Amino acid sequence: MARDFLAEIVDGRTRRNSRFPHLVAEADARRTVARKLAKLREKKLLSQTVVAARMGTSASVVSKLEAGGDVKVSTLQRYFAAIGEKLAFGP
């Protein structure tokens, strides 16, 4: 049976950097959260352009955030405020 191409890449990178699987998992978690944020924004009928204007930034920053980019907590706080929510951690 042929090996999965992605598995081969992960195996190769892991041999060079043992933390690579952890980095992949972190990126996957960011993308999962990002998709939820985009859905919440869309549910509120807000465009990325409107959210960006409310944040005082460009639409490309909002796009990066919603694509799972590695952003600062302060950027997340401004995003949540722009969509009328509050960022909270914990129970």
PDB file of N, CA and C in Angstrom:
ATOM      1  N   MET A   1       0.849  -1.179   0.000  1.00  0.00           N
ATOM      2  CA  MET A   1       0.000   0.000   0.000  1.00  0.00           C
ATOM      3  C   MET A   1       0.896   1.244   0.000  1.00  0.00           C
ATOM      4  N   ALA A   2       0.575   2.223  -0.824  1.00  0.00           N
ATOM      5  CA  ALA A   2       1.351   3.455  -0.913  1.00  0.00           C
ATOM      6  C   ALA A   2       1.138   4.308   0.326  1.00  0.00           C
ATOM      7  N   ARG A   3       2.230   4.903   0.791  1.00  0.00           N
ATOM      8  CA  ARG A   3       2.123   5.796   1.953  1.00  0.00           C
ATOM      9  C   ARG A   3       1.494   7.116   1.555  1.00  0.00           C
ATOM     10  N   ASP A   4       0.786   7.688   2.458  1.00  0.00           N
ATOM     11  CA  ASP A   4       0.173   8.992   2.251  1.00  0.00           C
ATOM     12  C   ASP A   4       1.268  10.048   2.122  1.00  0.00           C
ATOM     13  N   PHE A   5       1.152  10.899   1.114  1.00  0.00           N
ATOM     14  CA  PHE A   5       2.163  11.933   0.864  1.00  0.00           C
ATOM     15  C   PHE A   5       2.343  12.853   2.070  1.00  0.00           C
ATOM     16  N   LEU A   6       1.242  13.268   2.687  1.00  0.00           N
ATOM     17  CA  LEU A   6       1.330  14.139   3.854  1.00  0.00           C
ATOM     18  C   LEU A   6       2.041  13.442   5.005  1.00  0.00           C
ATOM     19  N   ALA A   7       1.760  12.172   5.206  1.00  0.00           N
ATOM     20  CA  ALA A   7       2.421  11.415   6.269  1.00  0.00           C
ATOM     21  C   ALA A   7       3.929  11.362   6.026  1.00  0.00           C
ATOM     22  N   GLU A   8       4.316  11.221   4.767  1.00  0.00           N
ATOM     23  CA  GLU A   8       5.746  11.201   4.432  1.00  0.00           C
ATOM     24  C   GLU A   8       6.400  12.542   4.774  1.00  0.00           C
ATOM     25  N   ILE A   9       5.721  13.630   4.467  1.00  0.00           N
ATOM     26  CA  ILE A   9       6.259  14.961   4.775  1.00  0.00           C
ATOM     27  C   ILE A   9       6.389  15.131   6.284  1.00  0.00           C
ATOM     28  N   VAL A  10       5.341  14.788   7.020  1.00  0.00           N
ATOM     29  CA  VAL A  10       5.381  14.916   8.481  1.00  0.00           C
ATOM     30  C   VAL A  10       6.491  14.054   9.061  1.00  0.00           C
ATOM     31  N   ASP A  11       6.623  12.838   8.593  1.00  0.00           N
ATOM     32  CA  ASP A  11       7.688  11.955   9.087  1.00  0.00           C
ATOM     33  C   ASP A  11       9.064  12.557   8.814  1.00  0.00           C
ATOM     34  N   GLY A  12       9.254  13.075   7.615  1.00  0.00           N
ATOM     35  CA  GLY A  12      10.540  13.675   7.262  1.00  0.00           C
ATOM     36  C   GLY A  12      10.864  14.889   8.110  1.00  0.00           C
ATOM     37  N   ARG A  13       9.880  15.755   8.288  1.00  0.00           N
ATOM     38  CA  ARG A  13      10.098  16.951   9.118  1.00  0.00           C
ATOM     39  C   ARG A  13      10.312  16.576  10.581  1.00  0.00           C
ATOM     40  N   THR A  14       9.618  15.546  11.044  1.00  0.00           N
ATOM     41  CA  THR A  14       9.749  15.111  12.437  1.00  0.00           C
ATOM     42  C   THR A  14      11.150  14.576  12.703  1.00  0.00           C
ATOM     43  N   ARG A  15      11.730  13.929  11.717  1.00  0.00           N
ATOM     44  CA  ARG A  15      13.107  13.444  11.891  1.00  0.00           C
ATOM     45  C   ARG A  15      14.072  14.606  12.084  1.00  0.00           C
ATOM     46  N   ARG A  16      13.788  15.734  11.461  1.00  0.00           N
ATOM     47  CA  ARG A  16      14.657  16.917  11.602  1.00  0.00           C
ATOM     48  C   ARG A  16      14.305  17.755  12.828  1.00  0.00           C
ATOM     49  N   ASN A  17      13.031  17.716  13.235  1.00  0.00           N
ATOM     50  CA  ASN A  17      12.565  18.527  14.361  1.00  0.00           C
ATOM     51  C   ASN A  17      11.496  17.728  15.106  1.00  0.00           C
ATOM     52  N   SER A  18      11.848  17.187  16.257  1.00  0.00           N
ATOM     53  CA  SER A  18      10.926  16.323  16.997  1.00  0.00           C
ATOM     54  C   SER A  18       9.652  17.051  17.434  1.00  0.00           C
ATOM     55  N   ARG A  19       9.669  18.378  17.448  1.00  0.00           N
ATOM     56  CA  ARG A  19       8.489  19.154  17.843  1.00  0.00           C
ATOM     57  C   ARG A  19       7.529  19.398  16.677  1.00  0.00           C
ATOM     58  N   PHE A  20       7.898  18.955  15.490  1.00  0.00           N
ATOM     59  CA  PHE A  20       7.076  19.248  14.313  1.00  0.00           C
ATOM     60  C   PHE A  20       5.627  18.789  14.463  1.00  0.00           C
ATOM     61  N   PRO A  21       5.339  17.583  14.941  1.00  0.00           N
ATOM     62  CA  PRO A  21       3.927  17.191  15.098  1.00  0.00           C
ATOM     63  C   PRO A  21       3.158  18.132  16.035  1.00  0.00           C
ATOM     64  N   HIS A  22       3.830  18.620  17.063  1.00  0.00           N
ATOM     65  CA  HIS A  22       3.202  19.571  17.981  1.00  0.00           C
ATOM     66  C   HIS A  22       2.882  20.889  17.245  1.00  0.00           C
ATOM     67  N   LEU A  23       3.788  21.341  16.415  1.00  0.00           N
ATOM     68  CA  LEU A  23       3.565  22.569  15.646  1.00  0.00           C
ATOM     69  C   LEU A  23       2.400  22.401  14.679  1.00  0.00           C
ATOM     70  N   VAL A  24       2.291  21.237  14.069  1.00  0.00           N
ATOM     71  CA  VAL A  24       1.174  20.950  13.160  1.00  0.00           C
ATOM     72  C   VAL A  24      -0.140  20.960  13.939  1.00  0.00           C
ATOM     73  N   ALA A  25      -0.141  20.353  15.116  1.00  0.00           N
ATOM     74  CA  ALA A  25      -1.357  20.318  15.949  1.00  0.00           C
ATOM     75  C   ALA A  25      -1.772  21.726  16.371  1.00  0.00           C
ATOM     76  N   GLU A  26      -0.799  22.566  16.716  1.00  0.00           N
ATOM     77  CA  GLU A  26      -1.111  23.952  17.084  1.00  0.00           C
ATOM     78  C   GLU A  26      -1.739  24.699  15.910  1.00  0.00           C
ATOM     79  N   ALA A  27      -1.169  24.536  14.733  1.00  0.00           N
ATOM     80  CA  ALA A  27      -1.702  25.206  13.543  1.00  0.00           C
ATOM     81  C   ALA A  27      -3.115  24.705  13.246  1.00  0.00           C
ATOM     82  N   ASP A  28      -3.349  23.423  13.402  1.00  0.00           N
ATOM     83  CA  ASP A  28      -4.678  22.862  13.177  1.00  0.00           C
ATOM     84  C   ASP A  28      -5.682  23.437  14.180  1.00  0.00           C
ATOM     85  N   ALA A  29      -5.268  23.574  15.427  1.00  0.00           N
ATOM     86  CA  ALA A  29      -6.152  24.149  16.451  1.00  0.00           C
ATOM     87  C   ALA A  29      -6.480  25.603  16.116  1.00  0.00           C
ATOM     88  N   ARG A  30      -5.478  26.371  15.650  1.00  0.00           N
ATOM     89  CA  ARG A  30      -5.728  27.767  15.259  1.00  0.00           C
ATOM     90  C   ARG A  30      -6.731  27.834  14.115  1.00  0.00           C
ATOM     91  N   ARG A  31      -6.606  26.935  13.131  1.00  0.00           N
ATOM     92  CA  ARG A  31      -7.546  26.933  12.003  1.00  0.00           C
ATOM     93  C   ARG A  31      -8.955  26.585  12.464  1.00  0.00           C
ATOM     94  N   THR A  32      -9.085  25.669  13.408  1.00  0.00           N
ATOM     95  CA  THR A  32     -10.402  25.302  13.937  1.00  0.00           C
ATOM     96  C   THR A  32     -11.061  26.500  14.613  1.00  0.00           C
ATOM     97  N   VAL A  33     -10.304  27.194  15.450  1.00  0.00           N
ATOM     98  CA  VAL A  33     -10.829  28.392  16.129  1.00  0.00           C
ATOM     99  C   VAL A  33     -11.149  29.467  15.099  1.00  0.00           C
ATOM    100  N   ALA A  34     -10.278  29.635  14.129  1.00  0.00           N
ATOM    101  CA  ALA A  34     -10.479  30.663  13.108  1.00  0.00           C
ATOM    102  C   ALA A  34     -11.774  30.435  12.338  1.00  0.00           C
ATOM    103  N   ARG A  35     -12.050  29.173  11.980  1.00  0.00           N
ATOM    104  CA  ARG A  35     -13.296  28.870  11.271  1.00  0.00           C
ATOM    105  C   ARG A  35     -14.512  29.221  12.128  1.00  0.00           C
ATOM    106  N   LYS A  36     -14.419  28.976  13.428  1.00  0.00           N
ATOM    107  CA  LYS A  36     -15.524  29.317  14.334  1.00  0.00           C
ATOM    108  C   LYS A  36     -15.717  30.827  14.402  1.00  0.00           C
ATOM    109  N   LEU A  37     -14.608  31.572  14.426  1.00  0.00           N
ATOM    110  CA  LEU A  37     -14.701  33.034  14.461  1.00  0.00           C
ATOM    111  C   LEU A  37     -15.359  33.559  13.189  1.00  0.00           C
ATOM    112  N   ALA A  38     -14.946  33.034  12.050  1.00  0.00           N
ATOM    113  CA  ALA A  38     -15.530  33.478  10.781  1.00  0.00           C
ATOM    114  C   ALA A  38     -17.026  33.185  10.744  1.00  0.00           C
ATOM    115  N   LYS A  39     -17.426  32.018  11.225  1.00  0.00           N
ATOM    116  CA  LYS A  39     -18.858  31.672  11.253  1.00  0.00           C
ATOM    117  C   LYS A  39     -19.631  32.608  12.174  1.00  0.00           C
ATOM    118  N   LEU A  40     -19.033  32.955  13.315  1.00  0.00           N
ATOM    119  CA  LEU A  40     -19.689  33.881  14.242  1.00  0.00           C
ATOM    120  C   LEU A  40     -19.851  35.254  13.595  1.00  0.00           C
ATOM    121  N   ARG A  41     -18.799  35.724  12.908  1.00  0.00           N
ATOM    122  CA  ARG A  41     -18.880  37.016  12.216  1.00  0.00           C
ATOM    123  C   ARG A  41     -19.959  36.979  11.145  1.00  0.00           C
ATOM    124  N   GLU A  42     -19.978  35.898  10.368  1.00  0.00           N
ATOM    125  CA  GLU A  42     -20.975  35.772   9.302  1.00  0.00           C
ATOM    126  C   GLU A  42     -22.386  35.704   9.866  1.00  0.00           C
ATOM    127  N   LYS A  43     -22.554  35.024  10.992  1.00  0.00           N
ATOM    128  CA  LYS A  43     -23.870  34.934  11.628  1.00  0.00           C
ATOM    129  C   LYS A  43     -24.380  36.321  12.021  1.00  0.00           C
ATOM    130  N   LYS A  44     -23.453  37.205  12.372  1.00  0.00           N
ATOM    131  CA  LYS A  44     -23.817  38.570  12.744  1.00  0.00           C
ATOM    132  C   LYS A  44     -23.935  39.480  11.519  1.00  0.00           C
ATOM    133  N   LEU A  45     -23.806  38.859  10.322  1.00  0.00           N
ATOM    134  CA  LEU A  45     -23.940  39.569   9.040  1.00  0.00           C
ATOM    135  C   LEU A  45     -22.920  40.695   8.888  1.00  0.00           C
ATOM    136  N   LEU A  46     -21.711  40.450   9.361  1.00  0.00           N
ATOM    137  CA  LEU A  46     -20.638  41.437   9.250  1.00  0.00           C
ATOM    138  C   LEU A  46     -19.614  40.964   8.223  1.00  0.00           C
ATOM    139  N   SER A  47     -19.149  41.886   7.401  1.00  0.00           N
ATOM    140  CA  SER A  47     -18.099  41.548   6.441  1.00  0.00           C
ATOM    141  C   SER A  47     -16.730  41.727   7.102  1.00  0.00           C
ATOM    142  N   GLN A  48     -15.722  41.138   6.497  1.00  0.00           N
ATOM    143  CA  GLN A  48     -14.364  41.332   6.998  1.00  0.00           C
ATOM    144  C   GLN A  48     -13.980  42.803   6.931  1.00  0.00           C
ATOM    145  N   THR A  49     -14.452  43.511   5.913  1.00  0.00           N
ATOM    146  CA  THR A  49     -14.139  44.933   5.752  1.00  0.00           C
ATOM    147  C   THR A  49     -14.720  45.755   6.895  1.00  0.00           C
ATOM    148  N   VAL A  50     -15.952  45.468   7.281  1.00  0.00           N
ATOM    149  CA  VAL A  50     -16.591  46.183   8.389  1.00  0.00           C
ATOM    150  C   VAL A  50     -15.865  45.893   9.700  1.00  0.00           C
ATOM    151  N   VAL A  51     -15.561  44.632   9.931  1.00  0.00           N
ATOM    152  CA  VAL A  51     -14.850  44.254  11.155  1.00  0.00           C
ATOM    153  C   VAL A  51     -13.486  44.936  11.192  1.00  0.00           C
ATOM    154  N   ALA A  52     -12.793  44.953  10.072  1.00  0.00           N
ATOM    155  CA  ALA A  52     -11.485  45.605  10.000  1.00  0.00           C
ATOM    156  C   ALA A  52     -11.595  47.090  10.324  1.00  0.00           C
ATOM    157  N   ALA A  53     -12.605  47.750   9.779  1.00  0.00           N
ATOM    158  CA  ALA A  53     -12.797  49.175  10.060  1.00  0.00           C
ATOM    159  C   ALA A  53     -13.053  49.401  11.541  1.00  0.00           C
ATOM    160  N   ARG A  54     -13.860  48.550  12.147  1.00  0.00           N
ATOM    161  CA  ARG A  54     -14.134  48.680  13.579  1.00  0.00           C
ATOM    162  C   ARG A  54     -12.877  48.432  14.418  1.00  0.00           C
ATOM    163  N   MET A  55     -11.994  47.586  13.899  1.00  0.00           N
ATOM    164  CA  MET A  55     -10.748  47.282  14.614  1.00  0.00           C
ATOM    165  C   MET A  55      -9.685  48.339  14.367  1.00  0.00           C
ATOM    166  N   GLY A  56      -9.887  49.152  13.342  1.00  0.00           N
ATOM    167  CA  GLY A  56      -8.871  50.135  12.977  1.00  0.00           C
ATOM    168  C   GLY A  56      -7.689  49.490  12.271  1.00  0.00           C
ATOM    169  N   THR A  57      -7.987  48.484  11.452  1.00  0.00           N
ATOM    170  CA  THR A  57      -6.928  47.762  10.741  1.00  0.00           C
ATOM    171  C   THR A  57      -7.396  47.464   9.328  1.00  0.00           C
ATOM    172  N   SER A  58      -6.638  46.674   8.614  1.00  0.00           N
ATOM    173  CA  SER A  58      -7.000  46.325   7.239  1.00  0.00           C
ATOM    174  C   SER A  58      -7.755  45.008   7.204  1.00  0.00           C
ATOM    175  N   ALA A  59      -8.488  44.820   6.122  1.00  0.00           N
ATOM    176  CA  ALA A  59      -9.228  43.573   5.938  1.00  0.00           C
ATOM    177  C   ALA A  59      -8.275  42.387   5.843  1.00  0.00           C
ATOM    178  N   SER A  60      -7.040  42.617   5.401  1.00  0.00           N
ATOM    179  CA  SER A  60      -6.083  41.513   5.298  1.00  0.00           C
ATOM    180  C   SER A  60      -5.720  40.961   6.679  1.00  0.00           C
ATOM    181  N   VAL A  61      -5.733  41.804   7.706  1.00  0.00           N
ATOM    182  CA  VAL A  61      -5.471  41.331   9.070  1.00  0.00           C
ATOM    183  C   VAL A  61      -6.610  40.430   9.532  1.00  0.00           C
ATOM    184  N   VAL A  62      -7.830  40.827   9.241  1.00  0.00           N
ATOM    185  CA  VAL A  62      -8.998  40.005   9.597  1.00  0.00           C
ATOM    186  C   VAL A  62      -8.950  38.696   8.822  1.00  0.00           C
ATOM    187  N   SER A  63      -8.600  38.769   7.551  1.00  0.00           N
ATOM    188  CA  SER A  63      -8.497  37.560   6.738  1.00  0.00           C
ATOM    189  C   SER A  63      -7.433  36.617   7.305  1.00  0.00           C
ATOM    190  N   LYS A  64      -6.288  37.158   7.683  1.00  0.00           N
ATOM    191  CA  LYS A  64      -5.212  36.344   8.264  1.00  0.00           C
ATOM    192  C   LYS A  64      -5.690  35.675   9.547  1.00  0.00           C
ATOM    193  N   LEU A  65      -6.367  36.429  10.392  1.00  0.00           N
ATOM    194  CA  LEU A  65      -6.875  35.880  11.652  1.00  0.00           C
ATOM    195  C   LEU A  65      -7.853  34.745  11.376  1.00  0.00           C
ATOM    196  N   GLU A  66      -8.768  34.963  10.436  1.00  0.00           N
ATOM    197  CA  GLU A  66      -9.787  33.959  10.131  1.00  0.00           C
ATOM    198  C   GLU A  66      -9.241  32.772   9.334  1.00  0.00           C
ATOM    199  N   ALA A  67      -8.009  32.890   8.874  1.00  0.00           N
ATOM    200  CA  ALA A  67      -7.360  31.774   8.187  1.00  0.00           C
ATOM    201  C   ALA A  67      -6.511  30.954   9.148  1.00  0.00           C
ATOM    202  N   GLY A  68      -6.474  31.372  10.408  1.00  0.00           N
ATOM    203  CA  GLY A  68      -5.704  30.628  11.397  1.00  0.00           C
ATOM    204  C   GLY A  68      -4.304  31.145  11.594  1.00  0.00           C
ATOM    205  N   GLY A  69      -4.060  32.367  11.146  1.00  0.00           N
ATOM    206  CA  GLY A  69      -2.737  32.957  11.332  1.00  0.00           C
ATOM    207  C   GLY A  69      -2.409  33.134  12.803  1.00  0.00           C
ATOM    208  N   ASP A  70      -1.146  33.187  13.089  1.00  0.00           N
ATOM    209  CA  ASP A  70      -0.667  33.354  14.465  1.00  0.00           C
ATOM    210  C   ASP A  70      -0.741  34.842  14.805  1.00  0.00           C
ATOM    211  N   VAL A  71      -1.766  35.226  15.556  1.00  0.00           N
ATOM    212  CA  VAL A  71      -1.981  36.635  15.880  1.00  0.00           C
ATOM    213  C   VAL A  71      -1.848  36.869  17.381  1.00  0.00           C
ATOM    214  N   LYS A  72      -1.663  38.113  17.741  1.00  0.00           N
ATOM    215  CA  LYS A  72      -1.536  38.496  19.153  1.00  0.00           C
ATOM    216  C   LYS A  72      -2.899  38.431  19.846  1.00  0.00           C
ATOM    217  N   VAL A  73      -2.852  38.238  21.147  1.00  0.00           N
ATOM    218  CA  VAL A  73      -4.089  38.231  21.937  1.00  0.00           C
ATOM    219  C   VAL A  73      -4.786  39.586  21.815  1.00  0.00           C
ATOM    220  N   SER A  74      -4.027  40.666  21.766  1.00  0.00           N
ATOM    221  CA  SER A  74      -4.639  41.992  21.637  1.00  0.00           C
ATOM    222  C   SER A  74      -5.419  42.112  20.320  1.00  0.00           C
ATOM    223  N   THR A  75      -4.942  41.466  19.267  1.00  0.00           N
ATOM    224  CA  THR A  75      -5.674  41.466  17.997  1.00  0.00           C
ATOM    225  C   THR A  75      -6.974  40.684  18.143  1.00  0.00           C
ATOM    226  N   LEU A  76      -6.913  39.550  18.829  1.00  0.00           N
ATOM    227  CA  LEU A  76      -8.135  38.784  19.091  1.00  0.00           C
ATOM    228  C   LEU A  76      -9.123  39.603  19.914  1.00  0.00           C
ATOM    229  N   GLN A  77      -8.641  40.330  20.916  1.00  0.00           N
ATOM    230  CA  GLN A  77      -9.518  41.167  21.740  1.00  0.00           C
ATOM    231  C   GLN A  77     -10.213  42.217  20.882  1.00  0.00           C
ATOM    232  N   ARG A  78      -9.458  42.860  19.993  1.00  0.00           N
ATOM    233  CA  ARG A  78     -10.045  43.880  19.119  1.00  0.00           C
ATOM    234  C   ARG A  78     -11.053  43.247  18.160  1.00  0.00           C
ATOM    235  N   TYR A  79     -10.766  42.040  17.672  1.00  0.00           N
ATOM    236  CA  TYR A  79     -11.685  41.332  16.784  1.00  0.00           C
ATOM    237  C   TYR A  79     -12.998  41.067  17.512  1.00  0.00           C
ATOM    238  N   PHE A  80     -12.907  40.504  18.705  1.00  0.00           N
ATOM    239  CA  PHE A  80     -14.113  40.197  19.473  1.00  0.00           C
ATOM    240  C   PHE A  80     -14.923  41.459  19.747  1.00  0.00           C
ATOM    241  N   ALA A  81     -14.254  42.534  20.123  1.00  0.00           N
ATOM    242  CA  ALA A  81     -14.959  43.797  20.367  1.00  0.00           C
ATOM    243  C   ALA A  81     -15.650  44.279  19.089  1.00  0.00           C
ATOM    244  N   ALA A  82     -14.987  44.111  17.955  1.00  0.00           N
ATOM    245  CA  ALA A  82     -15.543  44.567  16.678  1.00  0.00           C
ATOM    246  C   ALA A  82     -16.791  43.791  16.275  1.00  0.00           C
ATOM    247  N   ILE A  83     -16.899  42.542  16.725  1.00  0.00           N
ATOM    248  CA  ILE A  83     -18.099  41.759  16.389  1.00  0.00           C
ATOM    249  C   ILE A  83     -19.104  41.755  17.543  1.00  0.00           C
ATOM    250  N   GLY A  84     -18.831  42.563  18.562  1.00  0.00           N
ATOM    251  CA  GLY A  84     -19.784  42.705  19.664  1.00  0.00           C
ATOM    252  C   GLY A  84     -19.705  41.599  20.692  1.00  0.00           C
ATOM    253  N   GLU A  85     -18.552  40.992  20.806  1.00  0.00           N
ATOM    254  CA  GLU A  85     -18.350  39.911  21.777  1.00  0.00           C
ATOM    255  C   GLU A  85     -17.201  40.278  22.697  1.00  0.00           C
ATOM    256  N   LYS A  86     -17.016  39.464  23.732  1.00  0.00           N
ATOM    257  CA  LYS A  86     -15.899  39.657  24.652  1.00  0.00           C
ATOM    258  C   LYS A  86     -15.069  38.386  24.667  1.00  0.00           C
ATOM    259  N   LEU A  87     -13.762  38.542  24.508  1.00  0.00           N
ATOM    260  CA  LEU A  87     -12.853  37.408  24.555  1.00  0.00           C
ATOM    261  C   LEU A  87     -12.676  37.001  26.006  1.00  0.00           C
ATOM    262  N   ALA A  88     -12.912  35.741  26.301  1.00  0.00           N
ATOM    263  CA  ALA A  88     -12.756  35.245  27.666  1.00  0.00           C
ATOM    264  C   ALA A  88     -12.059  33.886  27.633  1.00  0.00           C
ATOM    265  N   PHE A  89     -11.252  33.653  28.633  1.00  0.00           N
ATOM    266  CA  PHE A  89     -10.552  32.386  28.776  1.00  0.00           C
ATOM    267  C   PHE A  89     -11.040  31.695  30.039  1.00  0.00           C
ATOM    268  N   GLY A  90     -11.056  30.387  30.004  1.00  0.00           N
ATOM    269  CA  GLY A  90     -11.435  29.637  31.205  1.00  0.00           C
ATOM    270  C   GLY A  90     -12.905  29.282  31.234  1.00  0.00           C
ATOM    271  N   PRO A  91     -13.305  28.688  32.351  1.00  0.00           N
ATOM    272  CA  PRO A  91     -14.690  28.204  32.480  1.00  0.00           C
ATOM    273  C   PRO A  91     -15.730  29.287  32.542  1.00  0.00           C
TER     274      PRO A  91
END
